[in-house]
Amino acid sequence: TVYLQMNSLKPEDTAVYYCSMGVVIGPPVTVNNYWGQGTQVTVS
């Protein structure tokens, strides 16, 4: 798991936030990047 603690939020932080991870498999080593679906953050 990766976390993002967001403090002192501003309206300009409003966005869909996505995570991605470089996932390692092997050997032979390969790295594939994966993305989440996103989560909405609204500061208002």
ModelCIF file with pLDDT and N, C-alpha, C, O atoms, coordinates in Angstrom:
data_MODEL
#
_entry.id   MODEL 
#
_entity.id                         1 
_entity.type                       polymer 
_entity.pdbx_number_of_molecules   1 
#
_entity_poly.entity_id                      1 
_entity_poly.type                           'polypeptide(L)' 
_entity_poly.nstd_linkage                   no 
_entity_poly.nstd_monomer                   no 
_entity_poly.pdbx_seq_one_letter_code       TVYLQMNSLKPEDTAVYYCSMGVVIGPPVTVNNYWGQGTQVTVS 
_entity_poly.pdbx_seq_one_letter_code_can   TVYLQMNSLKPEDTAVYYCSMGVVIGPPVTVNNYWGQGTQVTVS 
_entity_poly.pdbx_strand_id                 A 
#
loop_
_entity_poly_seq.entity_id 
_entity_poly_seq.num 
_entity_poly_seq.mon_id 
_entity_poly_seq.hetero 
1 1  THR n 
1 2  VAL n 
1 3  TYR n 
1 4  LEU n 
1 5  GLN n 
1 6  MET n 
1 7  ASN n 
1 8  SER n 
1 9  LEU n 
1 10 LYS n 
1 11 PRO n 
1 12 GLU n 
1 13 ASP n 
1 14 THR n 
1 15 ALA n 
1 16 VAL n 
1 17 TYR n 
1 18 TYR n 
1 19 CYS n 
1 20 SER n 
1 21 MET n 
1 22 GLY n 
1 23 VAL n 
1 24 VAL n 
1 25 ILE n 
1 26 GLY n 
1 27 PRO n 
1 28 PRO n 
1 29 VAL n 
1 30 THR n 
1 31 VAL n 
1 32 ASN n 
1 33 ASN n 
1 34 TYR n 
1 35 TRP n 
1 36 GLY n 
1 37 GLN n 
1 38 GLY n 
1 39 THR n 
1 40 GLN n 
1 41 VAL n 
1 42 THR n 
1 43 VAL n 
1 44 SER n 
#
_struct_asym.id          A 
_struct_asym.entity_id   1 
#
loop_
_ma_qa_metric.id 
_ma_qa_metric.mode 
_ma_qa_metric.name 
_ma_qa_metric.software_group_id 
_ma_qa_metric.type 
1 global pLDDT . pLDDT 
2 local  pLDDT . pLDDT 
#
_ma_qa_metric_global.metric_id      1 
_ma_qa_metric_global.metric_value   95.48 
_ma_qa_metric_global.model_id       1 
_ma_qa_metric_global.ordinal_id     1 
#
loop_
_ma_qa_metric_local.label_asym_id 
_ma_qa_metric_local.label_comp_id 
_ma_qa_metric_local.label_seq_id 
_ma_qa_metric_local.metric_id 
_ma_qa_metric_local.metric_value 
_ma_qa_metric_local.model_id 
_ma_qa_metric_local.ordinal_id 
A THR 1  2 97.00 1 1  
A VAL 2  2 97.00 1 2  
A TYR 3  2 98.00 1 3  
A LEU 4  2 98.00 1 4  
A GLN 5  2 98.00 1 5  
A MET 6  2 98.00 1 6  
A ASN 7  2 98.00 1 7  
A SER 8  2 98.00 1 8  
A LEU 9  2 98.00 1 9  
A LYS 10 2 98.00 1 10 
A PRO 11 2 97.00 1 11 
A GLU 12 2 97.00 1 12 
A ASP 13 2 98.00 1 13 
A THR 14 2 98.00 1 14 
A ALA 15 2 98.00 1 15 
A VAL 16 2 98.00 1 16 
A TYR 17 2 98.00 1 17 
A TYR 18 2 98.00 1 18 
A CYS 19 2 98.00 1 19 
A SER 20 2 98.00 1 20 
A MET 21 2 97.00 1 21 
A GLY 22 2 96.00 1 22 
A VAL 23 2 94.00 1 23 
A VAL 24 2 91.00 1 24 
A ILE 25 2 86.00 1 25 
A GLY 26 2 81.00 1 26 
A PRO 27 2 84.00 1 27 
A PRO 28 2 89.00 1 28 
A VAL 29 2 89.00 1 29 
A THR 30 2 90.00 1 30 
A VAL 31 2 92.00 1 31 
A ASN 32 2 93.00 1 32 
A ASN 33 2 95.00 1 33 
A TYR 34 2 96.00 1 34 
A TRP 35 2 97.00 1 35 
A GLY 36 2 97.00 1 36 
A GLN 37 2 96.00 1 37 
A GLY 38 2 97.00 1 38 
A THR 39 2 97.00 1 39 
A GLN 40 2 98.00 1 40 
A VAL 41 2 98.00 1 41 
A THR 42 2 98.00 1 42 
A VAL 43 2 98.00 1 43 
A SER 44 2 96.00 1 44 
#
loop_
_atom_site.group_PDB 
_atom_site.id 
_atom_site.type_symbol 
_atom_site.label_atom_id 
_atom_site.label_alt_id 
_atom_site.label_comp_id 
_atom_site.label_asym_id 
_atom_site.label_entity_id 
_atom_site.label_seq_id 
_atom_site.pdbx_PDB_ins_code 
_atom_site.Cartn_x 
_atom_site.Cartn_y 
_atom_site.Cartn_z 
_atom_site.occupancy 
_atom_site.B_iso_or_equiv 
_atom_site.pdbx_formal_charge 
_atom_site.auth_seq_id 
_atom_site.auth_comp_id 
_atom_site.auth_asym_id 
_atom_site.auth_atom_id 
_atom_site.pdbx_PDB_model_num 
ATOM 1   N N  . THR A 1 1  ? 0.818   -1.204  0.000   1.00 97.00 ? 1  THR A N  1 
ATOM 2   C CA . THR A 1 1  ? 0.000   0.000   0.000   1.00 97.00 ? 1  THR A CA 1 
ATOM 3   C C  . THR A 1 1  ? 0.857   1.262   0.000   1.00 97.00 ? 1  THR A C  1 
ATOM 4   O O  . THR A 1 1  ? 1.899   1.327   0.654   1.00 97.00 ? 1  THR A O  1 
ATOM 5   N N  . VAL A 1 2  ? 0.400   2.251   -0.740  1.00 97.00 ? 2  VAL A N  1 
ATOM 6   C CA . VAL A 1 2  ? 0.979   3.582   -0.703  1.00 97.00 ? 2  VAL A CA 1 
ATOM 7   C C  . VAL A 1 2  ? -0.079  4.547   -0.180  1.00 97.00 ? 2  VAL A C  1 
ATOM 8   O O  . VAL A 1 2  ? -1.265  4.407   -0.477  1.00 97.00 ? 2  VAL A O  1 
ATOM 9   N N  . TYR A 1 3  ? 0.365   5.523   0.599   1.00 98.00 ? 3  TYR A N  1 
ATOM 10  C CA . TYR A 1 3  ? -0.529  6.504   1.196   1.00 98.00 ? 3  TYR A CA 1 
ATOM 11  C C  . TYR A 1 3  ? -0.145  7.909   0.742   1.00 98.00 ? 3  TYR A C  1 
ATOM 12  O O  . TYR A 1 3  ? 1.009   8.180   0.411   1.00 98.00 ? 3  TYR A O  1 
ATOM 13  N N  . LEU A 1 4  ? -1.124  8.779   0.736   1.00 98.00 ? 4  LEU A N  1 
ATOM 14  C CA . LEU A 1 4  ? -0.873  10.196  0.536   1.00 98.00 ? 4  LEU A CA 1 
ATOM 15  C C  . LEU A 1 4  ? -1.642  10.964  1.598   1.00 98.00 ? 4  LEU A C  1 
ATOM 16  O O  . LEU A 1 4  ? -2.867  11.072  1.536   1.00 98.00 ? 4  LEU A O  1 
ATOM 17  N N  . GLN A 1 5  ? -0.914  11.495  2.572   1.00 98.00 ? 5  GLN A N  1 
ATOM 18  C CA . GLN A 1 5  ? -1.511  12.341  3.593   1.00 98.00 ? 5  GLN A CA 1 
ATOM 19  C C  . GLN A 1 5  ? -1.525  13.770  3.075   1.00 98.00 ? 5  GLN A C  1 
ATOM 20  O O  . GLN A 1 5  ? -0.478  14.334  2.755   1.00 98.00 ? 5  GLN A O  1 
ATOM 21  N N  . MET A 1 6  ? -2.707  14.349  2.994   1.00 98.00 ? 6  MET A N  1 
ATOM 22  C CA . MET A 1 6  ? -2.875  15.683  2.445   1.00 98.00 ? 6  MET A CA 1 
ATOM 23  C C  . MET A 1 6  ? -3.398  16.610  3.535   1.00 98.00 ? 6  MET A C  1 
ATOM 24  O O  . MET A 1 6  ? -4.495  16.408  4.054   1.00 98.00 ? 6  MET A O  1 
ATOM 25  N N  . ASN A 1 7  ? -2.621  17.611  3.876   1.00 98.00 ? 7  ASN A N  1 
ATOM 26  C CA . ASN A 1 7  ? -2.992  18.599  4.879   1.00 98.00 ? 7  ASN A CA 1 
ATOM 27  C C  . ASN A 1 7  ? -3.085  19.978  4.242   1.00 98.00 ? 7  ASN A C  1 
ATOM 28  O O  . ASN A 1 7  ? -2.574  20.207  3.146   1.00 98.00 ? 7  ASN A O  1 
ATOM 29  N N  . SER A 1 8  ? -3.739  20.886  4.941   1.00 98.00 ? 8  SER A N  1 
ATOM 30  C CA . SER A 1 8  ? -3.882  22.268  4.472   1.00 98.00 ? 8  SER A CA 1 
ATOM 31  C C  . SER A 1 8  ? -4.381  22.316  3.036   1.00 98.00 ? 8  SER A C  1 
ATOM 32  O O  . SER A 1 8  ? -3.831  23.030  2.197   1.00 98.00 ? 8  SER A O  1 
ATOM 33  N N  . LEU A 1 9  ? -5.414  21.557  2.767   1.00 98.00 ? 9  LEU A N  1 
ATOM 34  C CA . LEU A 1 9  ? -5.913  21.432  1.403   1.00 98.00 ? 9  LEU A CA 1 
ATOM 35  C C  . LEU A 1 9  ? -6.465  22.752  0.877   1.00 98.00 ? 9  LEU A C  1 
ATOM 36  O O  . LEU A 1 9  ? -7.055  23.543  1.613   1.00 98.00 ? 9  LEU A O  1 
ATOM 37  N N  . LYS A 1 10 ? -6.256  22.961  -0.411  1.00 98.00 ? 10 LYS A N  1 
ATOM 38  C CA . LYS A 1 10 ? -6.692  24.163  -1.104  1.00 98.00 ? 10 LYS A CA 1 
ATOM 39  C C  . LYS A 1 10 ? -7.651  23.790  -2.220  1.00 98.00 ? 10 LYS A C  1 
ATOM 40  O O  . LYS A 1 10 ? -7.620  22.657  -2.699  1.00 98.00 ? 10 LYS A O  1 
ATOM 41  N N  . PRO A 1 11 ? -8.508  24.721  -2.650  1.00 97.00 ? 11 PRO A N  1 
ATOM 42  C CA . PRO A 1 11 ? -9.418  24.407  -3.761  1.00 97.00 ? 11 PRO A CA 1 
ATOM 43  C C  . PRO A 1 11 ? -8.684  23.920  -5.008  1.00 97.00 ? 11 PRO A C  1 
ATOM 44  O O  . PRO A 1 11 ? -9.211  23.084  -5.741  1.00 97.00 ? 11 PRO A O  1 
ATOM 45  N N  . GLU A 1 12 ? -7.493  24.423  -5.258  1.00 97.00 ? 12 GLU A N  1 
ATOM 46  C CA . GLU A 1 12 ? -6.746  23.994  -6.429  1.00 97.00 ? 12 GLU A CA 1 
ATOM 47  C C  . GLU A 1 12 ? -6.217  22.563  -6.329  1.00 97.00 ? 12 GLU A C  1 
ATOM 48  O O  . GLU A 1 12 ? -5.669  22.040  -7.299  1.00 97.00 ? 12 GLU A O  1 
ATOM 49  N N  . ASP A 1 13 ? -6.374  21.931  -5.175  1.00 98.00 ? 13 ASP A N  1 
ATOM 50  C CA . ASP A 1 13 ? -6.038  20.518  -5.036  1.00 98.00 ? 13 ASP A CA 1 
ATOM 51  C C  . ASP A 1 13 ? -7.154  19.616  -5.549  1.00 98.00 ? 13 ASP A C  1 
ATOM 52  O O  . ASP A 1 13 ? -6.976  18.401  -5.640  1.00 98.00 ? 13 ASP A O  1 
ATOM 53  N N  . THR A 1 14 ? -8.289  20.191  -5.880  1.00 98.00 ? 14 THR A N  1 
ATOM 54  C CA . THR A 1 14 ? -9.413  19.412  -6.378  1.00 98.00 ? 14 THR A CA 1 
ATOM 55  C C  . THR A 1 14 ? -9.038  18.704  -7.673  1.00 98.00 ? 14 THR A C  1 
ATOM 56  O O  . THR A 1 14 ? -8.601  19.338  -8.633  1.00 98.00 ? 14 THR A O  1 
ATOM 57  N N  . ALA A 1 15 ? -9.210  17.391  -7.692  1.00 98.00 ? 15 ALA A N  1 
ATOM 58  C CA . ALA A 1 15 ? -8.825  16.586  -8.846  1.00 98.00 ? 15 ALA A CA 1 
ATOM 59  C C  . ALA A 1 15 ? -9.208  15.138  -8.589  1.00 98.00 ? 15 ALA A C  1 
ATOM 60  O O  . ALA A 1 15 ? -9.590  14.765  -7.480  1.00 98.00 ? 15 ALA A O  1 
ATOM 61  N N  . VAL A 1 16 ? -9.097  14.339  -9.629  1.00 98.00 ? 16 VAL A N  1 
ATOM 62  C CA . VAL A 1 16 ? -9.109  12.897  -9.456  1.00 98.00 ? 16 VAL A CA 1 
ATOM 63  C C  . VAL A 1 16 ? -7.677  12.467  -9.199  1.00 98.00 ? 16 VAL A C  1 
ATOM 64  O O  . VAL A 1 16 ? -6.773  12.790  -9.970  1.00 98.00 ? 16 VAL A O  1 
ATOM 65  N N  . TYR A 1 17 ? -7.476  11.743  -8.123  1.00 98.00 ? 17 TYR A N  1 
ATOM 66  C CA . TYR A 1 17 ? -6.150  11.283  -7.737  1.00 98.00 ? 17 TYR A CA 1 
ATOM 67  C C  . TYR A 1 17 ? -5.995  9.812   -8.105  1.00 98.00 ? 17 TYR A C  1 
ATOM 68  O O  . TYR A 1 17 ? -6.847  8.981   -7.787  1.00 98.00 ? 17 TYR A O  1 
ATOM 69  N N  . TYR A 1 18 ? -4.897  9.510   -8.775  1.00 98.00 ? 18 TYR A N  1 
ATOM 70  C CA . TYR A 1 18 ? -4.599  8.162   -9.221  1.00 98.00 ? 18 TYR A CA 1 
ATOM 71  C C  . TYR A 1 18 ? -3.285  7.689   -8.611  1.00 98.00 ? 18 TYR A C  1 
ATOM 72  O O  . TYR A 1 18 ? -2.364  8.481   -8.415  1.00 98.00 ? 18 TYR A O  1 
ATOM 73  N N  . CYS A 1 19 ? -3.206  6.409   -8.316  1.00 98.00 ? 19 CYS A N  1 
ATOM 74  C CA . CYS A 1 19 ? -1.918  5.840   -7.952  1.00 98.00 ? 19 CYS A CA 1 
ATOM 75  C C  . CYS A 1 19 ? -1.413  4.964   -9.085  1.00 98.00 ? 19 CYS A C  1 
ATOM 76  O O  . CYS A 1 19 ? -2.193  4.416   -9.863  1.00 98.00 ? 19 CYS A O  1 
ATOM 77  N N  . SER A 1 20 ? -0.111  4.843   -9.163  1.00 98.00 ? 20 SER A N  1 
ATOM 78  C CA . SER A 1 20 ? 0.512   3.891   -10.057 1.00 98.00 ? 20 SER A CA 1 
ATOM 79  C C  . SER A 1 20 ? 1.686   3.252   -9.334  1.00 98.00 ? 20 SER A C  1 
ATOM 80  O O  . SER A 1 20 ? 2.266   3.839   -8.421  1.00 98.00 ? 20 SER A O  1 
ATOM 81  N N  . MET A 1 21 ? 2.026   2.049   -9.754  1.00 97.00 ? 21 MET A N  1 
ATOM 82  C CA . MET A 1 21 ? 3.139   1.334   -9.159  1.00 97.00 ? 21 MET A CA 1 
ATOM 83  C C  . MET A 1 21 ? 3.916   0.593   -10.225 1.00 97.00 ? 21 MET A C  1 
ATOM 84  O O  . MET A 1 21 ? 3.337   0.009   -11.141 1.00 97.00 ? 21 MET A O  1 
ATOM 85  N N  . GLY A 1 22 ? 5.234   0.623   -10.098 1.00 96.00 ? 22 GLY A N  1 
ATOM 86  C CA . GLY A 1 22 ? 6.086   -0.206  -10.914 1.00 96.00 ? 22 GLY A CA 1 
ATOM 87  C C  . GLY A 1 22 ? 6.243   -1.547  -10.230 1.00 96.00 ? 22 GLY A C  1 
ATOM 88  O O  . GLY A 1 22 ? 6.856   -1.639  -9.166  1.00 96.00 ? 22 GLY A O  1 
ATOM 89  N N  . VAL A 1 23 ? 5.694   -2.586  -10.836 1.00 94.00 ? 23 VAL A N  1 
ATOM 90  C CA . VAL A 1 23 ? 5.654   -3.909  -10.235 1.00 94.00 ? 23 VAL A CA 1 
ATOM 91  C C  . VAL A 1 23 ? 6.734   -4.782  -10.862 1.00 94.00 ? 23 VAL A C  1 
ATOM 92  O O  . VAL A 1 23 ? 6.825   -4.892  -12.085 1.00 94.00 ? 23 VAL A O  1 
ATOM 93  N N  . VAL A 1 24 ? 7.545   -5.395  -10.021 1.00 91.00 ? 24 VAL A N  1 
ATOM 94  C CA . VAL A 1 24 ? 8.684   -6.192  -10.460 1.00 91.00 ? 24 VAL A CA 1 
ATOM 95  C C  . VAL A 1 24 ? 8.342   -7.673  -10.404 1.00 91.00 ? 24 VAL A C  1 
ATOM 96  O O  . VAL A 1 24 ? 7.861   -8.176  -9.388  1.00 91.00 ? 24 VAL A O  1 
ATOM 97  N N  . ILE A 1 25 ? 8.595   -8.360  -11.504 1.00 86.00 ? 25 ILE A N  1 
ATOM 98  C CA . ILE A 1 25 ? 8.448   -9.808  -11.559 1.00 86.00 ? 25 ILE A CA 1 
ATOM 99  C C  . ILE A 1 25 ? 9.714   -10.413 -12.159 1.00 86.00 ? 25 ILE A C  1 
ATOM 100 O O  . ILE A 1 25 ? 10.495  -9.715  -12.805 1.00 86.00 ? 25 ILE A O  1 
ATOM 101 N N  . GLY A 1 26 ? 9.915   -11.719 -11.941 1.00 81.00 ? 26 GLY A N  1 
ATOM 102 C CA . GLY A 1 26 ? 11.096  -12.396 -12.442 1.00 81.00 ? 26 GLY A CA 1 
ATOM 103 C C  . GLY A 1 26 ? 11.992  -12.849 -11.308 1.00 81.00 ? 26 GLY A C  1 
ATOM 104 O O  . GLY A 1 26 ? 11.649  -12.668 -10.140 1.00 81.00 ? 26 GLY A O  1 
ATOM 105 N N  . PRO A 1 27 ? 13.158  -13.448 -11.638 1.00 84.00 ? 27 PRO A N  1 
ATOM 106 C CA . PRO A 1 27 ? 13.945  -13.261 -12.866 1.00 84.00 ? 27 PRO A CA 1 
ATOM 107 C C  . PRO A 1 27 ? 13.453  -14.114 -14.030 1.00 84.00 ? 27 PRO A C  1 
ATOM 108 O O  . PRO A 1 27 ? 12.774  -15.125 -13.844 1.00 84.00 ? 27 PRO A O  1 
ATOM 109 N N  . PRO A 1 28 ? 13.812  -13.680 -15.228 1.00 89.00 ? 28 PRO A N  1 
ATOM 110 C CA . PRO A 1 28 ? 14.426  -12.397 -15.586 1.00 89.00 ? 28 PRO A CA 1 
ATOM 111 C C  . PRO A 1 28 ? 13.532  -11.233 -15.177 1.00 89.00 ? 28 PRO A C  1 
ATOM 112 O O  . PRO A 1 28 ? 12.309  -11.295 -15.302 1.00 89.00 ? 28 PRO A O  1 
ATOM 113 N N  . VAL A 1 29 ? 14.159  -10.182 -14.691 1.00 89.00 ? 29 VAL A N  1 
ATOM 114 C CA . VAL A 1 29 ? 13.421  -9.068  -14.123 1.00 89.00 ? 29 VAL A CA 1 
ATOM 115 C C  . VAL A 1 29 ? 12.690  -8.289  -15.196 1.00 89.00 ? 29 VAL A C  1 
ATOM 116 O O  . VAL A 1 29 ? 13.268  -7.883  -16.204 1.00 89.00 ? 29 VAL A O  1 
ATOM 117 N N  . THR A 1 30 ? 11.419  -8.092  -14.957 1.00 90.00 ? 30 THR A N  1 
ATOM 118 C CA . THR A 1 30 ? 10.637  -7.175  -15.761 1.00 90.00 ? 30 THR A CA 1 
ATOM 119 C C  . THR A 1 30 ? 9.871   -6.257  -14.822 1.00 90.00 ? 30 THR A C  1 
ATOM 120 O O  . THR A 1 30 ? 9.509   -6.656  -13.715 1.00 90.00 ? 30 THR A O  1 
ATOM 121 N N  . VAL A 1 31 ? 9.628   -5.042  -15.258 1.00 92.00 ? 31 VAL A N  1 
ATOM 122 C CA . VAL A 1 31 ? 8.880   -4.071  -14.479 1.00 92.00 ? 31 VAL A CA 1 
ATOM 123 C C  . VAL A 1 31 ? 7.713   -3.580  -15.316 1.00 92.00 ? 31 VAL A C  1 
ATOM 124 O O  . VAL A 1 31 ? 7.895   -3.066  -16.419 1.00 92.00 ? 31 VAL A O  1 
ATOM 125 N N  . ASN A 1 32 ? 6.530   -3.740  -14.786 1.00 93.00 ? 32 ASN A N  1 
ATOM 126 C CA . ASN A 1 32 ? 5.326   -3.284  -15.460 1.00 93.00 ? 32 ASN A CA 1 
ATOM 127 C C  . ASN A 1 32 ? 4.608   -2.260  -14.594 1.00 93.00 ? 32 ASN A C  1 
ATOM 128 O O  . ASN A 1 32 ? 4.477   -2.436  -13.383 1.00 93.00 ? 32 ASN A O  1 
ATOM 129 N N  . ASN A 1 33 ? 4.149   -1.200  -15.221 1.00 95.00 ? 33 ASN A N  1 
ATOM 130 C CA . ASN A 1 33 ? 3.467   -0.137  -14.507 1.00 95.00 ? 33 ASN A CA 1 
ATOM 131 C C  . ASN A 1 33 ? 1.964   -0.372  -14.525 1.00 95.00 ? 33 ASN A C  1 
ATOM 132 O O  . ASN A 1 33 ? 1.376   -0.644  -15.571 1.00 95.00 ? 33 ASN A O  1 
ATOM 133 N N  . TYR A 1 34 ? 1.350   -0.263  -13.343 1.00 96.00 ? 34 TYR A N  1 
ATOM 134 C CA . TYR A 1 34 ? -0.083  -0.445  -13.206 1.00 96.00 ? 34 TYR A CA 1 
ATOM 135 C C  . TYR A 1 34 ? -0.707  0.798   -12.593 1.00 96.00 ? 34 TYR A C  1 
ATOM 136 O O  . TYR A 1 34 ? -0.071  1.517   -11.823 1.00 96.00 ? 34 TYR A O  1 
ATOM 137 N N  . TRP A 1 35 ? -1.964  1.036   -12.950 1.00 97.00 ? 35 TRP A N  1 
ATOM 138 C CA . TRP A 1 35 ? -2.708  2.211   -12.507 1.00 97.00 ? 35 TRP A CA 1 
ATOM 139 C C  . TRP A 1 35 ? -3.997  1.819   -11.822 1.00 97.00 ? 35 TRP A C  1 
ATOM 140 O O  . TRP A 1 35 ? -4.630  0.824   -12.176 1.00 97.00 ? 35 TRP A O  1 
ATOM 141 N N  . GLY A 1 36 ? -4.379  2.611   -10.837 1.00 97.00 ? 36 GLY A N  1 
ATOM 142 C CA . GLY A 1 36 ? -5.678  2.452   -10.222 1.00 97.00 ? 36 GLY A CA 1 
ATOM 143 C C  . GLY A 1 36 ? -6.744  3.204   -10.986 1.00 97.00 ? 36 GLY A C  1 
ATOM 144 O O  . GLY A 1 36 ? -6.458  3.877   -11.977 1.00 97.00 ? 36 GLY A O  1 
ATOM 145 N N  . GLN A 1 37 ? -7.980  3.085   -10.517 1.00 96.00 ? 37 GLN A N  1 
ATOM 146 C CA . GLN A 1 37 ? -9.113  3.713   -11.185 1.00 96.00 ? 37 GLN A CA 1 
ATOM 147 C C  . GLN A 1 37 ? -9.284  5.182   -10.821 1.00 96.00 ? 37 GLN A C  1 
ATOM 148 O O  . GLN A 1 37 ? -9.957  5.919   -11.542 1.00 96.00 ? 37 GLN A O  1 
ATOM 149 N N  . GLY A 1 38 ? -8.701  5.612   -9.739  1.00 97.00 ? 38 GLY A N  1 
ATOM 150 C CA . GLY A 1 38 ? -8.788  6.991   -9.307  1.00 97.00 ? 38 GLY A CA 1 
ATOM 151 C C  . GLY A 1 38 ? -9.808  7.205   -8.208  1.00 97.00 ? 38 GLY A C  1 
ATOM 152 O O  . GLY A 1 38 ? -10.773 6.452   -8.080  1.00 97.00 ? 38 GLY A O  1 
ATOM 153 N N  . THR A 1 39 ? -9.581  8.246   -7.414  1.00 97.00 ? 39 THR A N  1 
ATOM 154 C CA . THR A 1 39 ? -10.513 8.641   -6.374  1.00 97.00 ? 39 THR A CA 1 
ATOM 155 C C  . THR A 1 39 ? -10.642 10.161  -6.383  1.00 97.00 ? 39 THR A C  1 
ATOM 156 O O  . THR A 1 39 ? -9.645  10.876  -6.486  1.00 97.00 ? 39 THR A O  1 
ATOM 157 N N  . GLN A 1 40 ? -11.866 10.646  -6.277  1.00 98.00 ? 40 GLN A N  1 
ATOM 158 C CA . GLN A 1 40 ? -12.137 12.079  -6.376  1.00 98.00 ? 40 GLN A CA 1 
ATOM 159 C C  . GLN A 1 40 ? -11.836 12.781  -5.064  1.00 98.00 ? 40 GLN A C  1 
ATOM 160 O O  . GLN A 1 40 ? -12.258 12.340  -3.995  1.00 98.00 ? 40 GLN A O  1 
ATOM 161 N N  . VAL A 1 41 ? -11.099 13.881  -5.161  1.00 98.00 ? 41 VAL A N  1 
ATOM 162 C CA . VAL A 1 41 ? -10.862 14.774  -4.031  1.00 98.00 ? 41 VAL A CA 1 
ATOM 163 C C  . VAL A 1 41 ? -11.422 16.140  -4.401  1.00 98.00 ? 41 VAL A C  1 
ATOM 164 O O  . VAL A 1 41 ? -11.025 16.732  -5.404  1.00 98.00 ? 41 VAL A O  1 
ATOM 165 N N  . THR A 1 42 ? -12.340 16.633  -3.590  1.00 98.00 ? 42 THR A N  1 
ATOM 166 C CA . THR A 1 42 ? -12.937 17.938  -3.828  1.00 98.00 ? 42 THR A CA 1 
ATOM 167 C C  . THR A 1 42 ? -12.721 18.812  -2.600  1.00 98.00 ? 42 THR A C  1 
ATOM 168 O O  . THR A 1 42 ? -13.110 18.444  -1.491  1.00 98.00 ? 42 THR A O  1 
ATOM 169 N N  . VAL A 1 43 ? -12.102 19.966  -2.802  1.00 98.00 ? 43 VAL A N  1 
ATOM 170 C CA . VAL A 1 43 ? -11.836 20.911  -1.725  1.00 98.00 ? 43 VAL A CA 1 
ATOM 171 C C  . VAL A 1 43 ? -12.673 22.157  -1.998  1.00 98.00 ? 43 VAL A C  1 
ATOM 172 O O  . VAL A 1 43 ? -12.414 22.897  -2.947  1.00 98.00 ? 43 VAL A O  1 
ATOM 173 N N  . SER A 1 44 ? -13.666 22.378  -1.164  1.00 96.00 ? 44 SER A N  1 
ATOM 174 C CA . SER A 1 44 ? -14.602 23.470  -1.406  1.00 96.00 ? 44 SER A CA 1 
ATOM 175 C C  . SER A 1 44 ? -15.249 23.897  -0.101  1.00 96.00 ? 44 SER A C  1 
ATOM 176 O O  . SER A 1 44 ? -16.074 24.810  -0.090  1.00 96.00 ? 44 SER A O  1 
#
